[in-house]
Amino acid sequence: MSDVVNVLTHTTTMTPNSQQHEKINKLKQLHKAQDQRELDVDNMKDATFEQVINVKKEEGDSGTCVDGSYLEEGGALWDVFRREDIPKLEEYLKKHFREFRHVFCRPVKQVIHPVHDQTFYLTMEHKRKLKEEFGIEPWSFVQKLGDAVFIPAGCAHQVRNLKSCIKVALEFVSPENIGECIRLTEDFRLLPQNHTAKEDKLEVKKTALYAVEAAVKDLELFVAENPRHLEDSQDYPKPQYDENSQFISTPDKILRADM
């Protein structure tokens, strides 16, 4: 809902043993078989588990999230979308939501808000389809140890840990994005009462009010401590504005009115 800076402070590689590797690979195969049965019911409704796995092997693993080469140095994989691309992203998620899985690998049955629901993770295959169908793609990059990632308010993003990580996140409201924060607050207000995102309350208008109050107090204190500075500013020539022109003129320089 607000601007956020995410700093990666610690990473460590967890190496599964052979027994754990075997369980992980078996679970992946089960998930692929489940995907094939549920997403292609007409063609594979009578297929056995082995037949489904063979089909997936022929098609290749298109559901991966990251190239294995990133695992050496990277700690987390980020995908950040431009604010102006969010409507197309939402349209894509509404169109393809049945292709995604959520808790316990269960299919997503309902979409209230494609972004605020936080039930989707775009794999490399989905990102490819998103670009083909809607012409948009995220900024994708790997965060390494010590890197700080800044996410402006309103930019949908997803992150996947490539290693065991510890991160520190700082949320704040910047003057440049306060309008977007207010817009997001209105989006959250329209969500159902039992929606998980309802718990994320920013109170951005109150935050802005307190910020203005603090700025006024600082200005009053500065004027009280520097009366001479105020007197000097009163002697400075006032700018002259010509209503028939787009310029503001002063004795020293000319400024564009829209700067």
C-alpha atoms as a PDB file:
ATOM      1  CA  MET A   1       0.000   0.000   0.000  1.00  0.00           C
ATOM      2  CA  SER A   2       2.940   2.345   0.649  1.00  0.00           C
ATOM      3  CA  ASP A   3       6.512   2.725  -0.536  1.00  0.00           C
ATOM      4  CA  VAL A   4       8.844   0.088   0.847  1.00  0.00           C
ATOM      5  CA  VAL A   5      12.576  -0.604   0.999  1.00  0.00           C
ATOM      6  CA  ASN A   6      13.629  -4.227   1.427  1.00  0.00           C
ATOM      7  CA  VAL A   7      17.210  -4.992   2.518  1.00  0.00           C
ATOM      8  CA  LEU A   8      18.663  -8.504   2.337  1.00  0.00           C
ATOM      9  CA  THR A   9      20.737  -8.878   5.518  1.00  0.00           C
ATOM     10  CA  HIS A  10      21.574 -12.605   5.618  1.00  0.00           C
ATOM     11  CA  THR A  11      21.570 -15.626   3.318  1.00  0.00           C
ATOM     12  CA  THR A  12      22.595 -19.225   3.728  1.00  0.00           C
ATOM     13  CA  THR A  13      22.396 -22.224   1.429  1.00  0.00           C
ATOM     14  CA  MET A  14      20.436 -25.210   2.687  1.00  0.00           C
ATOM     15  CA  THR A  15      21.586 -28.378   0.915  1.00  0.00           C
ATOM     16  CA  PRO A  16      19.014 -31.224   1.022  1.00  0.00           C
ATOM     17  CA  ASN A  17      20.344 -34.715   1.513  1.00  0.00           C
ATOM     18  CA  SER A  18      19.643 -37.510  -0.979  1.00  0.00           C
ATOM     19  CA  GLN A  19      16.533 -38.657   0.854  1.00  0.00           C
ATOM     20  CA  GLN A  20      15.097 -35.142   0.905  1.00  0.00           C
ATOM     21  CA  HIS A  21      15.934 -34.717  -2.798  1.00  0.00           C
ATOM     22  CA  GLU A  22      14.005 -37.868  -3.586  1.00  0.00           C
ATOM     23  CA  LYS A  23      10.935 -36.654  -1.685  1.00  0.00           C
ATOM     24  CA  ILE A  24      11.116 -33.219  -3.332  1.00  0.00           C
ATOM     25  CA  ASN A  25      11.327 -34.680  -6.845  1.00  0.00           C
ATOM     26  CA  LYS A  26       8.452 -37.044  -6.158  1.00  0.00           C
ATOM     27  CA  LEU A  27       6.312 -34.192  -4.866  1.00  0.00           C
ATOM     28  CA  LYS A  28       7.108 -32.143  -7.988  1.00  0.00           C
ATOM     29  CA  GLN A  29       5.985 -35.010 -10.190  1.00  0.00           C
ATOM     30  CA  LEU A  30       2.740 -35.331  -8.254  1.00  0.00           C
ATOM     31  CA  HIS A  31       2.073 -31.609  -8.658  1.00  0.00           C
ATOM     32  CA  LYS A  32       2.754 -31.789 -12.404  1.00  0.00           C
ATOM     33  CA  ALA A  33       0.413 -34.729 -12.753  1.00  0.00           C
ATOM     34  CA  GLN A  34      -2.263 -32.864 -10.821  1.00  0.00           C
ATOM     35  CA  ASP A  35      -1.844 -29.812 -13.053  1.00  0.00           C
ATOM     36  CA  GLN A  36      -2.174 -31.908 -16.192  1.00  0.00           C
ATOM     37  CA  ARG A  37      -5.320 -33.659 -14.968  1.00  0.00           C
ATOM     38  CA  GLU A  38      -7.038 -30.459 -13.827  1.00  0.00           C
ATOM     39  CA  LEU A  39      -5.998 -28.175 -16.681  1.00  0.00           C
ATOM     40  CA  ASP A  40      -6.505 -30.644 -19.517  1.00  0.00           C
ATOM     41  CA  VAL A  41      -9.403 -32.733 -18.259  1.00  0.00           C
ATOM     42  CA  ASP A  42     -10.824 -33.662 -21.665  1.00  0.00           C
ATOM     43  CA  ASN A  43      -7.612 -35.111 -23.096  1.00  0.00           C
ATOM     44  CA  MET A  44      -6.162 -36.702 -19.957  1.00  0.00           C
ATOM     45  CA  LYS A  45      -9.185 -37.728 -17.899  1.00  0.00           C
ATOM     46  CA  ASP A  46      -8.404 -41.431 -18.253  1.00  0.00           C
ATOM     47  CA  ALA A  47      -4.608 -41.137 -18.195  1.00  0.00           C
ATOM     48  CA  THR A  48      -2.510 -42.911 -15.605  1.00  0.00           C
ATOM     49  CA  PHE A  49       0.047 -41.145 -13.416  1.00  0.00           C
ATOM     50  CA  GLU A  50       2.928 -42.516 -15.536  1.00  0.00           C
ATOM     51  CA  GLN A  51       1.308 -41.310 -18.764  1.00  0.00           C
ATOM     52  CA  VAL A  52       0.841 -37.828 -17.377  1.00  0.00           C
ATOM     53  CA  ILE A  53       4.465 -37.639 -16.243  1.00  0.00           C
ATOM     54  CA  ASN A  54       5.672 -38.733 -19.684  1.00  0.00           C
ATOM     55  CA  VAL A  55       3.602 -36.009 -21.337  1.00  0.00           C
ATOM     56  CA  LYS A  56       5.101 -33.398 -19.013  1.00  0.00           C
ATOM     57  CA  LYS A  57       8.611 -34.628 -19.785  1.00  0.00           C
ATOM     58  CA  GLU A  58       7.969 -34.248 -23.519  1.00  0.00           C
ATOM     59  CA  GLU A  59       6.617 -30.736 -23.035  1.00  0.00           C
ATOM     60  CA  GLY A  60       9.522 -29.709 -20.844  1.00  0.00           C
ATOM     61  CA  ASP A  61       9.424 -27.995 -17.480  1.00  0.00           C
ATOM     62  CA  SER A  62       7.681 -24.719 -18.314  1.00  0.00           C
ATOM     63  CA  GLY A  63       6.597 -23.993 -14.749  1.00  0.00           C
ATOM     64  CA  THR A  64       9.981 -23.096 -13.306  1.00  0.00           C
ATOM     65  CA  CYS A  65      10.383 -19.757 -11.583  1.00  0.00           C
ATOM     66  CA  VAL A  66      14.065 -19.041 -12.028  1.00  0.00           C
ATOM     67  CA  ASP A  67      17.107 -20.143 -13.972  1.00  0.00           C
ATOM     68  CA  GLY A  68      19.384 -22.343 -11.860  1.00  0.00           C
ATOM     69  CA  SER A  69      22.353 -20.079 -12.606  1.00  0.00           C
ATOM     70  CA  TYR A  70      20.923 -17.485 -10.215  1.00  0.00           C
ATOM     71  CA  LEU A  71      21.328 -19.801  -7.254  1.00  0.00           C
ATOM     72  CA  GLU A  72      25.078 -19.277  -6.895  1.00  0.00           C
ATOM     73  CA  GLU A  73      25.133 -15.656  -5.716  1.00  0.00           C
ATOM     74  CA  GLY A  74      21.525 -14.550  -5.498  1.00  0.00           C
ATOM     75  CA  GLY A  75      19.347 -14.558  -2.408  1.00  0.00           C
ATOM     76  CA  ALA A  76      15.928 -13.622  -3.792  1.00  0.00           C
ATOM     77  CA  LEU A  77      14.286 -13.266  -7.182  1.00  0.00           C
ATOM     78  CA  TRP A  78      12.125 -10.158  -7.687  1.00  0.00           C
ATOM     79  CA  ASP A  79       9.567  -9.249 -10.338  1.00  0.00           C
ATOM     80  CA  VAL A  80       8.289  -5.659 -10.183  1.00  0.00           C
ATOM     81  CA  PHE A  81       5.583  -4.314 -12.497  1.00  0.00           C
ATOM     82  CA  ARG A  82       5.190  -0.731 -13.595  1.00  0.00           C
ATOM     83  CA  ARG A  83       2.245   1.064 -12.035  1.00  0.00           C
ATOM     84  CA  GLU A  84       0.682   1.778 -15.429  1.00  0.00           C
ATOM     85  CA  ASP A  85       0.782  -1.941 -16.341  1.00  0.00           C
ATOM     86  CA  ILE A  86      -1.314  -3.099 -13.373  1.00  0.00           C
ATOM     87  CA  PRO A  87      -4.704  -3.019 -15.209  1.00  0.00           C
ATOM     88  CA  LYS A  88      -3.358  -5.411 -17.875  1.00  0.00           C
ATOM     89  CA  LEU A  89      -1.798  -7.622 -15.204  1.00  0.00           C
ATOM     90  CA  GLU A  90      -5.141  -7.822 -13.389  1.00  0.00           C
ATOM     91  CA  GLU A  91      -6.896  -8.695 -16.647  1.00  0.00           C
ATOM     92  CA  TYR A  92      -4.419 -11.514 -17.302  1.00  0.00           C
ATOM     93  CA  LEU A  93      -4.845 -12.958 -13.801  1.00  0.00           C
ATOM     94  CA  LYS A  94      -8.636 -12.888 -14.095  1.00  0.00           C
ATOM     95  CA  LYS A  95      -8.379 -14.691 -17.421  1.00  0.00           C
ATOM     96  CA  HIS A  96      -5.950 -17.406 -16.288  1.00  0.00           C
ATOM     97  CA  PHE A  97      -6.692 -17.735 -12.564  1.00  0.00           C
ATOM     98  CA  ARG A  98      -7.718 -21.398 -12.903  1.00  0.00           C
ATOM     99  CA  GLU A  99      -4.144 -22.255 -13.931  1.00  0.00           C
ATOM    100  CA  PHE A 100      -2.735 -21.246 -10.529  1.00  0.00           C
ATOM    101  CA  ARG A 101      -2.430 -23.080  -7.222  1.00  0.00           C
ATOM    102  CA  HIS A 102      -2.523 -21.686  -3.715  1.00  0.00           C
ATOM    103  CA  VAL A 103      -2.395 -23.262  -0.229  1.00  0.00           C
ATOM    104  CA  PHE A 104      -1.802 -27.054  -0.255  1.00  0.00           C
ATOM    105  CA  CYS A 105      -1.591 -26.858  -4.060  1.00  0.00           C
ATOM    106  CA  ARG A 106      -5.329 -26.286  -4.287  1.00  0.00           C
ATOM    107  CA  PRO A 107      -6.749 -24.546  -7.386  1.00  0.00           C
ATOM    108  CA  VAL A 108      -7.747 -20.889  -7.058  1.00  0.00           C
ATOM    109  CA  LYS A 109     -11.557 -20.987  -7.267  1.00  0.00           C
ATOM    110  CA  GLN A 110     -12.398 -17.312  -6.788  1.00  0.00           C
ATOM    111  CA  VAL A 111     -10.766 -13.949  -7.504  1.00  0.00           C
ATOM    112  CA  ILE A 112     -11.897 -10.939  -5.500  1.00  0.00           C
ATOM    113  CA  HIS A 113      -8.993  -8.693  -6.410  1.00  0.00           C
ATOM    114  CA  PRO A 114      -6.189 -10.169  -8.567  1.00  0.00           C
ATOM    115  CA  VAL A 115      -3.409  -8.288  -6.776  1.00  0.00           C
ATOM    116  CA  HIS A 116      -4.689  -7.740  -3.246  1.00  0.00           C
ATOM    117  CA  ASP A 117      -5.721 -11.395  -2.879  1.00  0.00           C
ATOM    118  CA  GLN A 118      -2.002 -12.335  -2.951  1.00  0.00           C
ATOM    119  CA  THR A 119      -2.762 -15.842  -4.240  1.00  0.00           C
ATOM    120  CA  PHE A 120      -0.780 -15.796  -7.519  1.00  0.00           C
ATOM    121  CA  TYR A 121       2.873 -16.322  -8.360  1.00  0.00           C
ATOM    122  CA  LEU A 122       3.855 -15.898 -12.007  1.00  0.00           C
ATOM    123  CA  THR A 123       6.249 -18.560 -13.265  1.00  0.00           C
ATOM    124  CA  MET A 124       8.516 -18.009 -16.258  1.00  0.00           C
ATOM    125  CA  GLU A 125       5.841 -19.574 -18.454  1.00  0.00           C
ATOM    126  CA  HIS A 126       3.151 -17.218 -17.175  1.00  0.00           C
ATOM    127  CA  LYS A 127       5.419 -14.210 -17.635  1.00  0.00           C
ATOM    128  CA  ARG A 128       6.019 -15.305 -21.223  1.00  0.00           C
ATOM    129  CA  LYS A 129       2.272 -15.636 -21.868  1.00  0.00           C
ATOM    130  CA  LEU A 130       1.628 -12.272 -20.203  1.00  0.00           C
ATOM    131  CA  LYS A 131       4.024 -10.575 -22.610  1.00  0.00           C
ATOM    132  CA  GLU A 132       2.553 -12.387 -25.631  1.00  0.00           C
ATOM    133  CA  GLU A 133      -1.078 -11.608 -24.783  1.00  0.00           C
ATOM    134  CA  PHE A 134      -0.868  -8.149 -23.207  1.00  0.00           C
ATOM    135  CA  GLY A 135       2.559  -6.817 -24.182  1.00  0.00           C
ATOM    136  CA  ILE A 136       3.805  -6.192 -20.641  1.00  0.00           C
ATOM    137  CA  GLU A 137       6.564  -7.714 -18.537  1.00  0.00           C
ATOM    138  CA  PRO A 138       8.057  -7.004 -15.110  1.00  0.00           C
ATOM    139  CA  TRP A 139      11.508  -5.814 -14.158  1.00  0.00           C
ATOM    140  CA  SER A 140      13.103  -9.114 -13.115  1.00  0.00           C
ATOM    141  CA  PHE A 141      16.306  -9.122 -11.072  1.00  0.00           C
ATOM    142  CA  VAL A 142      18.127 -11.048  -8.379  1.00  0.00           C
ATOM    143  CA  GLN A 143      18.712  -9.452  -4.976  1.00  0.00           C
ATOM    144  CA  LYS A 144      22.083 -10.305  -3.465  1.00  0.00           C
ATOM    145  CA  LEU A 145      23.295 -10.022   0.100  1.00  0.00           C
ATOM    146  CA  GLY A 146      23.357  -6.361   1.188  1.00  0.00           C
ATOM    147  CA  ASP A 147      21.187  -5.156  -1.713  1.00  0.00           C
ATOM    148  CA  ALA A 148      18.312  -2.778  -0.989  1.00  0.00           C
ATOM    149  CA  VAL A 149      15.219  -3.001  -3.189  1.00  0.00           C
ATOM    150  CA  PHE A 150      12.895   0.023  -3.406  1.00  0.00           C
ATOM    151  CA  ILE A 151       9.293  -0.655  -4.410  1.00  0.00           C
ATOM    152  CA  PRO A 152       7.193   2.461  -5.121  1.00  0.00           C
ATOM    153  CA  ALA A 153       3.599   2.496  -3.938  1.00  0.00           C
ATOM    154  CA  GLY A 154       1.209   0.924  -6.424  1.00  0.00           C
ATOM    155  CA  CYS A 155       3.802  -1.271  -8.164  1.00  0.00           C
ATOM    156  CA  ALA A 156       2.671  -4.897  -7.941  1.00  0.00           C
ATOM    157  CA  HIS A 157       5.568  -7.228  -7.205  1.00  0.00           C
ATOM    158  CA  GLN A 158       6.427 -10.785  -6.283  1.00  0.00           C
ATOM    159  CA  VAL A 159       9.527 -12.213  -4.614  1.00  0.00           C
ATOM    160  CA  ARG A 160      10.844 -15.734  -4.206  1.00  0.00           C
ATOM    161  CA  ASN A 161      13.667 -16.684  -1.843  1.00  0.00           C
ATOM    162  CA  LEU A 162      16.382 -18.664  -3.601  1.00  0.00           C
ATOM    163  CA  LYS A 163      18.113 -19.388  -0.301  1.00  0.00           C
ATOM    164  CA  SER A 164      17.269 -19.195   3.368  1.00  0.00           C
ATOM    165  CA  CYS A 165      17.054 -15.411   3.879  1.00  0.00           C
ATOM    166  CA  ILE A 166      16.614 -12.753   6.531  1.00  0.00           C
ATOM    167  CA  LYS A 167      15.332  -9.394   5.291  1.00  0.00           C
ATOM    168  CA  VAL A 168      14.534  -6.041   6.838  1.00  0.00           C
ATOM    169  CA  ALA A 169      11.642  -4.054   5.324  1.00  0.00           C
ATOM    170  CA  LEU A 170      10.828  -0.388   5.952  1.00  0.00           C
ATOM    171  CA  GLU A 171       7.491   1.016   4.811  1.00  0.00           C
ATOM    172  CA  PHE A 172       6.978   4.760   4.423  1.00  0.00           C
ATOM    173  CA  VAL A 173       4.940   7.343   2.515  1.00  0.00           C
ATOM    174  CA  SER A 174       6.899   9.574   0.156  1.00  0.00           C
ATOM    175  CA  PRO A 175       5.470  12.963  -0.922  1.00  0.00           C
ATOM    176  CA  GLU A 176       5.741  11.889  -4.570  1.00  0.00           C
ATOM    177  CA  ASN A 177       3.476   8.854  -4.063  1.00  0.00           C
ATOM    178  CA  ILE A 178       0.969  10.099  -1.522  1.00  0.00           C
ATOM    179  CA  GLY A 179      -1.715  10.349  -4.213  1.00  0.00           C
ATOM    180  CA  GLU A 180      -1.189   6.706  -5.158  1.00  0.00           C
ATOM    181  CA  CYS A 181      -1.342   5.695  -1.486  1.00  0.00           C
ATOM    182  CA  ILE A 182      -4.716   7.407  -1.168  1.00  0.00           C
ATOM    183  CA  ARG A 183      -5.969   5.605  -4.274  1.00  0.00           C
ATOM    184  CA  LEU A 184      -4.847   2.248  -2.851  1.00  0.00           C
ATOM    185  CA  THR A 185      -6.594   3.037   0.424  1.00  0.00           C
ATOM    186  CA  GLU A 186      -9.850   3.434  -1.507  1.00  0.00           C
ATOM    187  CA  ASP A 187      -9.218   0.070  -3.236  1.00  0.00           C
ATOM    188  CA  PHE A 188      -8.800  -1.622   0.135  1.00  0.00           C
ATOM    189  CA  ARG A 189     -11.947   0.041   1.420  1.00  0.00           C
ATOM    190  CA  LEU A 190     -14.006  -1.719  -1.289  1.00  0.00           C
ATOM    191  CA  LEU A 191     -12.779  -5.206  -0.345  1.00  0.00           C
ATOM    192  CA  PRO A 192     -15.103  -7.542   1.626  1.00  0.00           C
ATOM    193  CA  GLN A 193     -14.926  -7.281   5.399  1.00  0.00           C
ATOM    194  CA  ASN A 194     -13.402 -10.745   5.790  1.00  0.00           C
ATOM    195  CA  HIS A 195     -10.677 -10.132   3.188  1.00  0.00           C
ATOM    196  CA  THR A 196      -7.137 -10.596   4.551  1.00  0.00           C
ATOM    197  CA  ALA A 197      -5.961  -7.324   2.978  1.00  0.00           C
ATOM    198  CA  LYS A 198      -8.471  -5.402   5.117  1.00  0.00           C
ATOM    199  CA  GLU A 199      -6.031  -5.730   8.017  1.00  0.00           C
ATOM    200  CA  ASP A 200      -3.442  -3.591   6.198  1.00  0.00           C
ATOM    201  CA  LYS A 201      -4.469  -0.097   7.270  1.00  0.00           C
ATOM    202  CA  LEU A 202      -2.199   2.811   6.368  1.00  0.00           C
ATOM    203  CA  GLU A 203      -4.337   5.853   7.341  1.00  0.00           C
ATOM    204  CA  VAL A 204      -2.454   7.882   4.739  1.00  0.00           C
ATOM    205  CA  LYS A 205      -4.587  11.018   5.104  1.00  0.00           C
ATOM    206  CA  LYS A 206      -3.854  11.178   8.824  1.00  0.00           C
ATOM    207  CA  THR A 207      -0.163  10.592   8.081  1.00  0.00           C
ATOM    208  CA  ALA A 208      -0.147  13.494   5.602  1.00  0.00           C
ATOM    209  CA  LEU A 209      -1.918  15.763   8.103  1.00  0.00           C
ATOM    210  CA  TYR A 210       0.674  15.058  10.806  1.00  0.00           C
ATOM    211  CA  ALA A 211       3.494  15.599   8.294  1.00  0.00           C
ATOM    212  CA  VAL A 212       2.131  19.037   7.349  1.00  0.00           C
ATOM    213  CA  GLU A 213       1.675  19.929  11.033  1.00  0.00           C
ATOM    214  CA  ALA A 214       5.311  18.961  11.759  1.00  0.00           C
ATOM    215  CA  ALA A 215       6.532  20.997   8.757  1.00  0.00           C
ATOM    216  CA  VAL A 216       4.619  24.089   9.941  1.00  0.00           C
ATOM    217  CA  LYS A 217       6.055  23.770  13.457  1.00  0.00           C
ATOM    218  CA  ASP A 218       9.590  23.448  12.064  1.00  0.00           C
ATOM    219  CA  LEU A 219       9.039  26.542   9.903  1.00  0.00           C
ATOM    220  CA  GLU A 220       7.704  28.550  12.839  1.00  0.00           C
ATOM    221  CA  LEU A 221      10.706  27.516  14.938  1.00  0.00           C
ATOM    222  CA  PHE A 222      13.097  28.462  12.135  1.00  0.00           C
ATOM    223  CA  VAL A 223      11.477  31.910  11.740  1.00  0.00           C
ATOM    224  CA  ALA A 224      11.608  32.505  15.504  1.00  0.00           C
ATOM    225  CA  GLU A 225      15.305  31.632  15.638  1.00  0.00           C
ATOM    226  CA  ASN A 226      16.260  33.500  12.451  1.00  0.00           C
ATOM    227  CA  PRO A 227      14.306  36.790  12.338  1.00  0.00           C
ATOM    228  CA  ARG A 228      17.075  38.469  10.320  1.00  0.00           C
ATOM    229  CA  HIS A 229      16.685  35.846   7.607  1.00  0.00           C
ATOM    230  CA  LEU A 230      12.997  36.735   7.285  1.00  0.00           C
ATOM    231  CA  GLU A 231      13.764  40.454   7.002  1.00  0.00           C
ATOM    232  CA  ASP A 232      16.257  39.812   4.210  1.00  0.00           C
ATOM    233  CA  SER A 233      13.710  37.756   2.289  1.00  0.00           C
ATOM    234  CA  GLN A 234      11.194  40.605   2.415  1.00  0.00           C
ATOM    235  CA  ASP A 235      13.660  42.870   0.633  1.00  0.00           C
ATOM    236  CA  TYR A 236      13.947  40.455  -2.319  1.00  0.00           C
ATOM    237  CA  PRO A 237      12.032  41.652  -5.437  1.00  0.00           C
ATOM    238  CA  LYS A 238       8.727  39.883  -5.931  1.00  0.00           C
ATOM    239  CA  PRO A 239       8.324  37.879  -9.180  1.00  0.00           C
ATOM    240  CA  GLN A 240       6.222  39.463 -11.896  1.00  0.00           C
ATOM    241  CA  TYR A 241       3.746  37.335 -13.845  1.00  0.00           C
ATOM    242  CA  ASP A 242       2.347  38.301 -17.196  1.00  0.00           C
ATOM    243  CA  GLU A 243      -1.079  36.676 -17.688  1.00  0.00           C
ATOM    244  CA  ASN A 244      -0.593  36.672 -21.460  1.00  0.00           C
ATOM    245  CA  SER A 245       2.692  34.789 -21.180  1.00  0.00           C
ATOM    246  CA  GLN A 246       3.758  31.354 -19.960  1.00  0.00           C
ATOM    247  CA  PHE A 247       6.749  32.794 -18.132  1.00  0.00           C
ATOM    248  CA  ILE A 248       7.472  34.231 -14.716  1.00  0.00           C
ATOM    249  CA  SER A 249      10.107  36.946 -14.820  1.00  0.00           C
ATOM    250  CA  THR A 250      12.456  38.134 -12.084  1.00  0.00           C
ATOM    251  CA  PRO A 251      15.300  40.681 -12.280  1.00  0.00           C
ATOM    252  CA  ASP A 252      17.850  37.860 -12.373  1.00  0.00           C
ATOM    253  CA  LYS A 253      16.310  35.098 -14.479  1.00  0.00           C
ATOM    254  CA  ILE A 254      13.285  33.791 -16.323  1.00  0.00           C
ATOM    255  CA  LEU A 255      11.540  30.620 -15.199  1.00  0.00           C
ATOM    256  CA  ARG A 256       9.008  28.461 -16.984  1.00  0.00           C
ATOM    257  CA  ALA A 257       5.649  28.481 -15.185  1.00  0.00           C
ATOM    258  CA  ASP A 258       5.298  24.711 -15.392  1.00  0.00           C
ATOM    259  CA  MET A 259       8.688  23.910 -13.774  1.00  0.00           C
END
